Amino acid sequence: MGDIMEYFITEQQRKQHGGSCYFEFQKGQKNKKYKPVFWQEDSLLLYMDIADNLKIYKIIRDFQYYGITIIDNAKWHIIQQSAKQESNAIQELITELAPWVEDNFKKFDYFVILGV
């Protein structure tokens, strides 16, 4: 993930800039019962204002703003298809996220979005 990202930042970047108003896209866990552990080093973070401006709830139907949203492979494909009907910015966001998601699915059955 050496590329400069337009929408997401890494945990390391968040630590440098500070702040906690981010949705954390976190890789799945090996155990069946998900337990949130915030600010993982391999997470991607999406600033709250970006998520609000892009209205990501339009493509993630069960999005939990203040809770936990679990995305499995089937939901991810629905999100990708829904994004095609939305703005260029939403399409770019999903394109930017896709390599991280595909890497996640090599090891885990799901990824998680932790709310603010």
Protein backbone atom coordinates (compact mmCIF):
# COMPACT_ATOMS: atom_id res chain seq x y z
CA MET A 1 0.00 0.00 0.00
CA GLY A 2 2.72 2.43 -0.91
CA ASP A 3 0.45 4.49 -3.14
CA ILE A 4 -0.86 7.84 -2.00
CA MET A 5 -4.50 7.49 -1.16
CA GLU A 6 -7.11 10.15 -1.82
CA TYR A 7 -9.85 8.99 0.56
CA PHE A 8 -8.29 6.73 3.16
CA ILE A 9 -5.39 7.15 5.55
CA THR A 10 -3.44 4.61 7.54
CA GLU A 11 -3.35 4.30 11.30
CA GLN A 12 0.20 5.62 11.25
CA GLN A 13 -1.00 8.77 9.43
CA ARG A 14 -3.86 9.19 11.94
CA LYS A 15 -1.38 9.05 14.82
CA GLN A 16 0.73 11.76 13.18
CA HIS A 17 -2.25 14.07 12.58
CA GLY A 18 -4.32 13.11 15.61
CA GLY A 19 -8.07 12.93 15.80
CA SER A 20 -10.63 10.19 16.17
CA CYS A 21 -13.46 11.17 13.81
CA TYR A 22 -12.78 8.27 11.47
CA PHE A 23 -14.55 5.15 10.34
CA GLU A 24 -12.07 2.33 10.73
CA PHE A 25 -12.04 -0.34 8.02
CA GLN A 26 -10.57 -3.25 9.91
CA LYS A 27 -9.57 -6.68 8.70
CA GLY A 28 -11.55 -9.66 9.98
CA GLN A 29 -10.51 -11.76 12.92
CA LYS A 30 -9.80 -15.48 13.11
CA ASN A 31 -12.37 -16.11 15.83
CA LYS A 32 -16.09 -16.23 14.99
CA LYS A 33 -17.15 -13.65 17.56
CA TYR A 34 -15.84 -10.27 16.49
CA LYS A 35 -14.44 -8.11 19.30
CA PRO A 36 -13.52 -4.54 18.38
CA VAL A 37 -9.95 -3.50 19.00
CA PHE A 38 -9.59 0.03 17.69
CA TRP A 39 -6.77 1.62 15.71
CA GLN A 40 -5.19 -1.49 14.21
CA GLU A 41 -1.96 -0.89 12.27
CA ASP A 42 -3.33 -2.56 9.10
CA SER A 43 -6.65 -0.70 9.13
CA LEU A 44 -7.70 1.97 6.69
CA LEU A 45 -9.42 5.05 8.03
CA LEU A 46 -12.04 7.19 6.34
CA TYR A 47 -12.61 10.67 7.75
CA MET A 48 -16.18 11.18 8.98
CA ASP A 49 -16.77 14.28 6.79
CA ILE A 50 -15.78 12.37 3.65
CA ALA A 51 -18.14 9.53 4.53
CA ASP A 52 -20.93 12.03 5.22
CA ASN A 53 -20.34 14.05 2.04
CA LEU A 54 -20.26 10.93 -0.13
CA LYS A 55 -23.25 9.41 1.67
CA ILE A 56 -21.65 5.97 1.89
CA TYR A 57 -24.81 4.67 3.55
CA LYS A 58 -26.32 4.68 0.05
CA ILE A 59 -24.06 1.82 -1.01
CA ILE A 60 -23.66 0.13 2.39
CA ARG A 61 -27.31 -0.43 3.26
CA ASP A 62 -26.83 -1.68 6.85
CA PHE A 63 -24.12 0.86 7.68
CA GLN A 64 -23.85 1.46 11.44
CA TYR A 65 -22.67 5.03 11.97
CA TYR A 66 -21.85 4.51 15.66
CA GLY A 67 -21.57 0.73 15.69
CA ILE A 68 -20.04 -2.20 13.88
CA THR A 69 -20.78 -3.08 10.25
CA ILE A 70 -19.57 -6.50 9.10
CA ILE A 71 -18.99 -6.91 5.36
CA ASP A 72 -18.59 -10.39 3.90
CA ASN A 73 -17.69 -11.22 0.30
CA ALA A 74 -21.33 -11.24 -0.87
CA LYS A 75 -21.99 -7.80 0.68
CA TRP A 76 -18.77 -6.48 -0.83
CA HIS A 77 -19.94 -7.47 -4.33
CA ILE A 78 -23.27 -5.72 -3.72
CA ILE A 79 -21.39 -2.60 -2.58
CA GLN A 80 -19.23 -2.69 -5.72
CA GLN A 81 -22.31 -3.01 -7.94
CA SER A 82 -24.18 -0.25 -6.07
CA ALA A 83 -21.18 2.08 -6.40
CA LYS A 84 -21.42 1.86 -10.20
CA GLN A 85 -24.76 3.69 -9.97
CA GLU A 86 -23.37 6.49 -7.79
CA SER A 87 -21.07 9.49 -8.21
CA ASN A 88 -17.55 9.27 -9.57
CA ALA A 89 -16.26 10.02 -6.07
CA ILE A 90 -18.03 6.94 -4.63
CA GLN A 91 -16.66 4.82 -7.49
CA GLU A 92 -13.15 6.16 -6.81
CA LEU A 93 -13.49 5.44 -3.08
CA ILE A 94 -14.49 1.82 -3.76
CA THR A 95 -11.69 1.45 -6.32
CA GLU A 96 -9.20 2.77 -3.76
CA LEU A 97 -10.51 0.38 -1.11
CA ALA A 98 -10.64 -2.70 -3.37
CA PRO A 99 -6.98 -3.88 -3.10
CA TRP A 100 -7.15 -3.76 0.70
CA VAL A 101 -10.46 -5.69 0.66
CA GLU A 102 -9.14 -8.34 -1.73
CA ASP A 103 -6.07 -8.79 0.46
CA ASN A 104 -8.35 -9.16 3.49
CA PHE A 105 -10.47 -11.84 1.81
CA LYS A 106 -7.35 -13.96 1.21
CA LYS A 107 -7.23 -14.53 4.99
CA PHE A 108 -10.64 -13.65 6.40
CA ASP A 109 -14.31 -14.16 5.54
CA TYR A 110 -15.21 -10.57 6.36
CA PHE A 111 -13.99 -7.10 7.19
CA VAL A 112 -15.46 -4.63 9.63
CA ILE A 113 -16.28 -0.95 9.58
CA LEU A 114 -16.10 0.52 13.09
CA GLY A 115 -18.25 3.59 13.53
CA VAL A 116 -17.15 6.90 15.01
